[in-house]
């Protein structure tokens, strides 16, 4: 099974981030601009949280907070579940399912290497399974 490092090599390791004092509106604008569902929240000391569209829906809209007046720190996820580059995609998917998260920052030795989503994992696993099926069909038909 593929490792997260291999997935990052294929998808790229770009990680979009925002500061905790930025407004939720700025975070949403950045997510829309880059067509992504989450941003890593960082301060001068490194990652401090994660803000996602889901956080905005649950902690912003449903609580009546105005996105232009609310700082990211007020609605972000503070306890971020992380992965390592050596974890298998299967292990990462299990972790995401157990912790009920859709995004995993990939961290090694305190450094952020990338961010993977549940969609990235599903796409990669399906591609890998499709390849295996094609190989088996070729073997059977030979």
N, C-alpha and C. Protein backbone atom coordinates (compact mmCIF):
# COMPACT_ATOMS: atom_id res chain seq x y z
N UNK A 1 0.85 -1.18 0.00
CA UNK A 1 0.00 0.00 0.00
C UNK A 1 0.89 1.24 0.00
N UNK A 2 0.42 2.24 -0.71
CA UNK A 2 1.13 3.51 -0.83
C UNK A 2 1.27 4.23 0.51
N UNK A 3 2.32 4.98 0.62
CA UNK A 3 2.56 5.82 1.81
C UNK A 3 2.12 7.25 1.51
N UNK A 4 1.88 8.00 2.57
CA UNK A 4 1.46 9.40 2.40
C UNK A 4 2.52 10.20 1.64
N UNK A 5 3.79 9.89 1.87
CA UNK A 5 4.87 10.59 1.17
C UNK A 5 4.71 10.46 -0.34
N UNK A 6 4.35 9.27 -0.81
CA UNK A 6 4.15 9.05 -2.25
C UNK A 6 2.97 9.87 -2.76
N UNK A 7 1.92 9.96 -1.98
CA UNK A 7 0.76 10.76 -2.36
C UNK A 7 1.16 12.23 -2.48
N UNK A 8 1.93 12.73 -1.52
CA UNK A 8 2.37 14.13 -1.56
C UNK A 8 3.26 14.39 -2.76
N UNK A 9 4.10 13.43 -3.12
CA UNK A 9 4.97 13.60 -4.28
C UNK A 9 4.15 13.74 -5.55
N UNK A 10 3.03 13.02 -5.63
CA UNK A 10 2.18 13.08 -6.80
C UNK A 10 1.29 14.31 -6.84
N UNK A 11 0.77 14.72 -5.70
CA UNK A 11 -0.19 15.84 -5.66
C UNK A 11 0.49 17.18 -5.44
N UNK A 12 1.68 17.15 -4.91
CA UNK A 12 2.36 18.39 -4.56
C UNK A 12 2.19 18.65 -3.07
N UNK A 13 3.12 19.36 -2.51
CA UNK A 13 3.13 19.56 -1.07
C UNK A 13 2.73 20.97 -0.67
N UNK A 14 2.09 21.70 -1.58
CA UNK A 14 1.66 23.06 -1.24
C UNK A 14 0.66 23.03 -0.10
N UNK A 15 0.89 23.87 0.87
CA UNK A 15 -0.03 23.99 2.00
C UNK A 15 -0.39 25.46 2.14
N UNK A 16 -1.66 25.75 2.00
CA UNK A 16 -2.12 27.12 2.19
C UNK A 16 -2.41 27.33 3.66
N UNK A 17 -2.05 28.49 4.15
CA UNK A 17 -2.23 28.75 5.58
C UNK A 17 -2.72 30.17 5.80
N UNK A 18 -3.14 30.41 7.03
CA UNK A 18 -3.64 31.72 7.43
C UNK A 18 -3.30 31.90 8.90
N UNK A 19 -3.24 33.14 9.34
CA UNK A 19 -2.96 33.43 10.75
C UNK A 19 -4.23 33.36 11.59
N UNK A 20 -4.09 33.11 12.87
CA UNK A 20 -5.26 32.98 13.75
C UNK A 20 -6.02 34.29 13.95
N UNK A 21 -5.38 35.42 13.70
CA UNK A 21 -6.05 36.71 13.87
C UNK A 21 -6.74 37.20 12.60
N UNK A 22 -6.53 36.51 11.49
CA UNK A 22 -7.22 36.88 10.24
C UNK A 22 -8.71 36.64 10.41
N UNK A 23 -9.51 37.27 9.59
CA UNK A 23 -10.95 37.05 9.70
C UNK A 23 -11.35 35.76 9.00
N UNK A 24 -12.48 35.23 9.42
CA UNK A 24 -13.03 34.04 8.80
C UNK A 24 -13.33 34.34 7.33
N UNK A 25 -13.77 35.55 7.04
CA UNK A 25 -14.03 35.96 5.66
C UNK A 25 -12.76 35.81 4.81
N UNK A 26 -11.62 36.25 5.35
CA UNK A 26 -10.35 36.12 4.63
C UNK A 26 -10.01 34.64 4.39
N UNK A 27 -10.27 33.81 5.39
CA UNK A 27 -10.01 32.38 5.26
C UNK A 27 -10.89 31.76 4.17
N UNK A 28 -12.17 32.11 4.18
CA UNK A 28 -13.10 31.58 3.17
C UNK A 28 -12.72 32.06 1.78
N UNK A 29 -12.30 33.30 1.68
CA UNK A 29 -11.87 33.85 0.39
C UNK A 29 -10.67 33.08 -0.14
N UNK A 30 -9.70 32.81 0.72
CA UNK A 30 -8.50 32.07 0.33
C UNK A 30 -8.85 30.63 -0.08
N UNK A 31 -9.74 30.00 0.67
CA UNK A 31 -10.16 28.63 0.32
C UNK A 31 -10.86 28.63 -1.05
N UNK A 32 -11.74 29.58 -1.29
CA UNK A 32 -12.46 29.64 -2.56
C UNK A 32 -11.49 29.91 -3.71
N UNK A 33 -10.57 30.81 -3.49
CA UNK A 33 -9.59 31.18 -4.51
C UNK A 33 -8.76 29.99 -4.96
N UNK A 34 -8.41 29.12 -4.01
CA UNK A 34 -7.55 27.97 -4.32
C UNK A 34 -8.33 26.66 -4.45
N UNK A 35 -9.66 26.76 -4.34
CA UNK A 35 -10.54 25.60 -4.48
C UNK A 35 -10.13 24.47 -3.53
N UNK A 36 -9.98 24.84 -2.26
CA UNK A 36 -9.61 23.88 -1.22
C UNK A 36 -10.62 23.97 -0.08
N UNK A 37 -10.65 22.96 0.77
CA UNK A 37 -11.63 22.91 1.84
C UNK A 37 -11.11 23.23 3.21
N UNK A 38 -9.79 23.47 3.33
CA UNK A 38 -9.23 23.75 4.66
C UNK A 38 -7.92 24.50 4.53
N UNK A 39 -7.60 25.23 5.60
CA UNK A 39 -6.33 25.95 5.70
C UNK A 39 -5.66 25.60 7.01
N UNK A 40 -4.36 25.46 6.98
CA UNK A 40 -3.62 25.31 8.22
C UNK A 40 -3.54 26.69 8.86
N UNK A 41 -3.74 26.76 10.15
CA UNK A 41 -3.65 28.03 10.88
C UNK A 41 -2.29 28.05 11.56
N UNK A 42 -1.49 29.07 11.24
CA UNK A 42 -0.13 29.16 11.78
C UNK A 42 0.11 30.52 12.40
N UNK A 43 0.94 30.52 13.43
CA UNK A 43 1.43 31.78 13.99
C UNK A 43 2.95 31.75 13.91
N UNK A 44 3.62 32.63 14.61
CA UNK A 44 5.08 32.72 14.52
C UNK A 44 5.78 31.45 15.00
N UNK A 45 5.09 30.65 15.81
CA UNK A 45 5.70 29.43 16.34
C UNK A 45 5.36 28.18 15.54
N UNK A 46 4.55 28.32 14.50
CA UNK A 46 4.17 27.16 13.68
C UNK A 46 2.68 26.90 13.71
N UNK A 47 2.26 25.69 13.34
CA UNK A 47 0.84 25.35 13.28
C UNK A 47 0.15 25.43 14.64
N UNK A 48 -1.03 26.06 14.65
CA UNK A 48 -1.81 26.16 15.89
C UNK A 48 -3.25 25.66 15.72
N UNK A 49 -3.60 25.31 14.49
CA UNK A 49 -4.96 24.82 14.26
C UNK A 49 -5.22 24.60 12.79
N UNK A 50 -6.49 24.33 12.50
CA UNK A 50 -6.94 24.09 11.15
C UNK A 50 -8.33 24.69 11.02
N UNK A 51 -8.60 25.38 9.93
CA UNK A 51 -9.95 25.89 9.69
C UNK A 51 -10.46 25.29 8.39
N UNK A 52 -11.68 24.78 8.46
CA UNK A 52 -12.28 24.14 7.29
C UNK A 52 -13.66 24.73 7.03
N UNK A 53 -14.18 24.40 5.87
CA UNK A 53 -15.54 24.81 5.54
C UNK A 53 -16.51 24.27 6.57
N UNK A 54 -16.23 23.08 7.06
CA UNK A 54 -17.08 22.46 8.08
C UNK A 54 -17.05 23.27 9.38
N UNK A 55 -15.88 23.76 9.77
CA UNK A 55 -15.77 24.60 10.96
C UNK A 55 -16.62 25.85 10.80
N UNK A 56 -16.57 26.44 9.59
CA UNK A 56 -17.35 27.65 9.34
C UNK A 56 -18.85 27.36 9.46
N UNK A 57 -19.26 26.25 8.88
CA UNK A 57 -20.69 25.90 8.93
C UNK A 57 -21.15 25.68 10.37
N UNK A 58 -20.38 24.96 11.13
CA UNK A 58 -20.79 24.59 12.49
C UNK A 58 -20.55 25.68 13.53
N UNK A 59 -19.41 26.33 13.44
CA UNK A 59 -19.04 27.30 14.47
C UNK A 59 -19.29 28.75 14.06
N UNK A 60 -19.47 28.96 12.78
CA UNK A 60 -19.73 30.31 12.29
C UNK A 60 -21.20 30.53 12.00
N UNK A 61 -21.67 29.94 10.94
CA UNK A 61 -23.06 30.15 10.50
C UNK A 61 -24.06 29.74 11.57
N UNK A 62 -23.95 28.52 12.06
CA UNK A 62 -24.94 28.02 13.02
C UNK A 62 -24.94 28.78 14.35
N UNK A 63 -23.84 29.45 14.66
CA UNK A 63 -23.77 30.23 15.89
C UNK A 63 -24.00 31.73 15.64
N UNK A 64 -24.34 32.05 14.41
CA UNK A 64 -24.68 33.44 14.07
C UNK A 64 -23.51 34.40 14.06
N UNK A 65 -22.32 33.90 13.81
CA UNK A 65 -21.13 34.77 13.79
C UNK A 65 -20.93 35.34 12.40
N UNK A 66 -20.62 36.61 12.32
CA UNK A 66 -20.36 37.27 11.05
C UNK A 66 -18.93 36.97 10.60
N UNK A 67 -18.77 36.48 9.38
CA UNK A 67 -17.45 36.07 8.91
C UNK A 67 -16.46 37.23 8.81
N UNK A 68 -16.95 38.43 8.56
CA UNK A 68 -16.06 39.59 8.44
C UNK A 68 -15.57 40.11 9.79
N UNK A 69 -16.27 39.72 10.87
CA UNK A 69 -15.92 40.21 12.21
C UNK A 69 -15.32 39.13 13.11
N UNK A 70 -15.35 37.89 12.68
CA UNK A 70 -14.90 36.79 13.53
C UNK A 70 -13.48 36.37 13.17
N UNK A 71 -12.58 36.36 14.16
CA UNK A 71 -11.22 35.88 13.87
C UNK A 71 -11.21 34.36 13.70
N UNK A 72 -10.30 33.89 12.88
CA UNK A 72 -10.14 32.46 12.62
C UNK A 72 -10.01 31.68 13.92
N UNK A 73 -9.28 32.21 14.89
CA UNK A 73 -9.03 31.50 16.15
C UNK A 73 -10.32 31.12 16.88
N UNK A 74 -11.41 31.88 16.63
CA UNK A 74 -12.66 31.61 17.33
C UNK A 74 -13.43 30.41 16.80
N UNK A 75 -13.14 29.99 15.57
CA UNK A 75 -13.90 28.86 15.03
C UNK A 75 -13.02 27.70 14.57
N UNK A 76 -11.69 27.89 14.57
CA UNK A 76 -10.80 26.84 14.06
C UNK A 76 -10.80 25.62 14.98
N UNK A 77 -10.36 24.52 14.42
CA UNK A 77 -10.13 23.31 15.19
C UNK A 77 -8.76 23.47 15.86
N UNK A 78 -8.75 23.39 17.18
CA UNK A 78 -7.50 23.60 17.92
C UNK A 78 -6.66 22.33 18.03
N UNK A 79 -7.32 21.22 18.25
CA UNK A 79 -6.60 19.94 18.38
C UNK A 79 -6.57 19.26 17.02
N UNK A 80 -5.50 19.47 16.31
CA UNK A 80 -5.39 18.97 14.95
C UNK A 80 -4.77 17.58 14.95
N UNK A 81 -5.44 16.67 14.27
CA UNK A 81 -4.93 15.31 14.09
C UNK A 81 -3.96 15.36 12.92
N UNK A 82 -2.77 14.79 13.11
CA UNK A 82 -1.73 14.85 12.08
C UNK A 82 -1.30 13.45 11.64
N UNK A 83 -0.65 13.41 10.50
CA UNK A 83 -0.10 12.16 9.97
C UNK A 83 1.39 12.33 9.75
N UNK A 84 2.07 11.22 9.52
CA UNK A 84 3.48 11.25 9.17
C UNK A 84 3.62 10.78 7.73
N UNK A 85 4.72 11.14 7.07
CA UNK A 85 4.88 10.74 5.67
C UNK A 85 5.00 9.23 5.48
N UNK A 86 5.39 8.53 6.53
CA UNK A 86 5.57 7.08 6.42
C UNK A 86 4.30 6.27 6.66
N UNK A 87 3.22 6.93 7.08
CA UNK A 87 1.96 6.21 7.28
C UNK A 87 1.40 5.75 5.95
N UNK A 88 0.77 4.59 5.96
CA UNK A 88 0.11 4.11 4.74
C UNK A 88 -1.18 4.90 4.54
N UNK A 89 -1.65 4.93 3.31
CA UNK A 89 -2.91 5.60 3.02
C UNK A 89 -4.05 4.94 3.79
N UNK A 90 -3.98 3.62 3.91
CA UNK A 90 -5.01 2.90 4.66
C UNK A 90 -5.02 3.33 6.13
N UNK A 91 -3.85 3.43 6.74
CA UNK A 91 -3.78 3.89 8.14
C UNK A 91 -4.29 5.32 8.29
N UNK A 92 -3.96 6.16 7.32
CA UNK A 92 -4.44 7.55 7.35
C UNK A 92 -5.96 7.60 7.25
N UNK A 93 -6.52 6.75 6.39
CA UNK A 93 -7.98 6.73 6.23
C UNK A 93 -8.65 6.22 7.51
N UNK A 94 -8.06 5.22 8.14
CA UNK A 94 -8.59 4.72 9.41
C UNK A 94 -8.55 5.83 10.46
N UNK A 95 -7.43 6.54 10.54
CA UNK A 95 -7.28 7.64 11.50
C UNK A 95 -8.33 8.71 11.26
N UNK A 96 -8.53 9.08 10.00
CA UNK A 96 -9.51 10.11 9.68
C UNK A 96 -10.93 9.66 10.04
N UNK A 97 -11.21 8.40 9.81
CA UNK A 97 -12.54 7.87 10.12
C UNK A 97 -12.76 7.83 11.63
N UNK A 98 -11.77 7.35 12.37
CA UNK A 98 -11.89 7.26 13.83
C UNK A 98 -12.01 8.64 14.47
N UNK A 99 -11.25 9.59 13.99
CA UNK A 99 -11.23 10.94 14.58
C UNK A 99 -12.26 11.87 13.95
N UNK A 100 -12.95 11.38 12.91
CA UNK A 100 -13.99 12.15 12.22
C UNK A 100 -13.47 13.49 11.69
N UNK A 101 -12.33 13.39 10.98
CA UNK A 101 -11.74 14.57 10.35
C UNK A 101 -11.61 14.32 8.85
N UNK A 102 -11.52 15.40 8.10
CA UNK A 102 -11.44 15.29 6.64
C UNK A 102 -10.10 15.79 6.08
N UNK A 103 -9.25 16.33 6.95
CA UNK A 103 -7.95 16.86 6.52
C UNK A 103 -6.88 16.48 7.54
N UNK A 104 -5.72 16.08 7.03
CA UNK A 104 -4.59 15.72 7.89
C UNK A 104 -3.33 16.48 7.47
N UNK A 105 -2.82 17.36 8.31
CA UNK A 105 -1.49 17.90 8.03
C UNK A 105 -0.48 16.77 8.16
N UNK A 106 0.51 16.78 7.30
CA UNK A 106 1.57 15.77 7.34
C UNK A 106 2.80 16.45 7.93
N UNK A 107 3.23 15.93 9.08
CA UNK A 107 4.31 16.59 9.82
C UNK A 107 5.41 15.59 10.13
N UNK A 108 6.65 16.05 9.96
CA UNK A 108 7.82 15.23 10.32
C UNK A 108 8.85 16.14 10.97
N UNK A 109 9.32 15.74 12.13
CA UNK A 109 10.30 16.53 12.89
C UNK A 109 9.85 17.98 13.07
N UNK A 110 8.56 18.17 13.35
CA UNK A 110 8.02 19.49 13.61
C UNK A 110 7.79 20.35 12.37
N UNK A 111 8.09 19.81 11.20
CA UNK A 111 7.93 20.58 9.96
C UNK A 111 6.73 20.07 9.17
N UNK A 112 5.92 21.00 8.67
CA UNK A 112 4.76 20.64 7.86
C UNK A 112 5.23 20.30 6.45
N UNK A 113 4.92 19.08 6.01
CA UNK A 113 5.33 18.64 4.68
C UNK A 113 4.20 18.73 3.66
N UNK A 114 2.97 18.78 4.14
CA UNK A 114 1.83 18.84 3.24
C UNK A 114 0.54 18.69 4.01
N UNK A 115 -0.54 18.63 3.26
CA UNK A 115 -1.87 18.46 3.83
C UNK A 115 -2.63 17.52 2.90
N UNK A 116 -3.23 16.46 3.45
CA UNK A 116 -4.01 15.54 2.63
C UNK A 116 -5.45 15.55 3.09
N UNK A 117 -6.34 15.39 2.13
CA UNK A 117 -7.76 15.34 2.43
C UNK A 117 -8.27 13.92 2.24
N UNK A 118 -9.46 13.67 2.74
CA UNK A 118 -10.08 12.36 2.54
C UNK A 118 -10.25 12.11 1.05
N UNK A 119 -10.54 13.16 0.29
CA UNK A 119 -10.67 13.02 -1.17
C UNK A 119 -9.37 12.59 -1.82
N UNK A 120 -8.24 13.14 -1.35
CA UNK A 120 -6.94 12.73 -1.88
C UNK A 120 -6.70 11.25 -1.65
N UNK A 121 -7.04 10.79 -0.44
CA UNK A 121 -6.83 9.39 -0.09
C UNK A 121 -7.72 8.47 -0.93
N UNK A 122 -8.98 8.81 -1.04
CA UNK A 122 -9.92 7.99 -1.81
C UNK A 122 -9.48 7.91 -3.26
N UNK A 123 -9.13 9.05 -3.85
CA UNK A 123 -8.69 9.08 -5.25
C UNK A 123 -7.46 8.19 -5.45
N UNK A 124 -6.51 8.28 -4.56
CA UNK A 124 -5.27 7.50 -4.70
C UNK A 124 -5.53 6.01 -4.50
N UNK A 125 -6.34 5.65 -3.53
CA UNK A 125 -6.63 4.24 -3.26
C UNK A 125 -7.40 3.64 -4.44
N UNK A 126 -8.37 4.36 -4.99
CA UNK A 126 -9.12 3.87 -6.14
C UNK A 126 -8.19 3.67 -7.33
N UNK A 127 -7.29 4.61 -7.56
CA UNK A 127 -6.34 4.49 -8.66
C UNK A 127 -5.45 3.26 -8.49
N UNK A 128 -4.99 3.04 -7.27
CA UNK A 128 -4.14 1.88 -6.99
C UNK A 128 -4.91 0.58 -7.19
N UNK A 129 -6.15 0.53 -6.74
CA UNK A 129 -6.97 -0.68 -6.91
C UNK A 129 -7.28 -0.92 -8.38
N UNK A 130 -7.54 0.15 -9.14
CA UNK A 130 -7.80 0.02 -10.56
C UNK A 130 -6.59 -0.59 -11.26
N UNK A 131 -5.41 -0.15 -10.91
CA UNK A 131 -4.18 -0.68 -11.50
C UNK A 131 -4.05 -2.17 -11.20
N UNK A 132 -4.29 -2.55 -9.96
CA UNK A 132 -4.19 -3.97 -9.57
C UNK A 132 -5.20 -4.81 -10.34
N UNK A 133 -6.42 -4.32 -10.48
CA UNK A 133 -7.45 -5.05 -11.23
C UNK A 133 -7.03 -5.22 -12.68
N UNK A 134 -6.50 -4.16 -13.29
CA UNK A 134 -6.05 -4.26 -14.67
C UNK A 134 -4.92 -5.28 -14.82
N UNK A 135 -4.01 -5.30 -13.86
CA UNK A 135 -2.92 -6.28 -13.90
C UNK A 135 -3.44 -7.70 -13.77
N UNK A 136 -4.40 -7.90 -12.87
CA UNK A 136 -4.97 -9.24 -12.70
C UNK A 136 -5.73 -9.68 -13.95
N UNK A 137 -6.49 -8.75 -14.55
CA UNK A 137 -7.21 -9.09 -15.79
C UNK A 137 -6.23 -9.44 -16.90
N UNK A 138 -5.15 -8.70 -17.00
CA UNK A 138 -4.12 -9.00 -18.00
C UNK A 138 -3.52 -10.37 -17.75
N UNK A 139 -3.24 -10.70 -16.52
CA UNK A 139 -2.66 -11.99 -16.14
C UNK A 139 -3.63 -13.13 -16.49
N UNK A 140 -4.90 -12.94 -16.16
CA UNK A 140 -5.91 -13.98 -16.42
C UNK A 140 -6.10 -14.20 -17.91
N UNK A 141 -6.07 -13.13 -18.68
CA UNK A 141 -6.31 -13.22 -20.13
C UNK A 141 -5.06 -13.62 -20.92
N UNK A 142 -3.93 -13.73 -20.26
CA UNK A 142 -2.69 -14.11 -20.97
C UNK A 142 -2.54 -15.59 -21.12
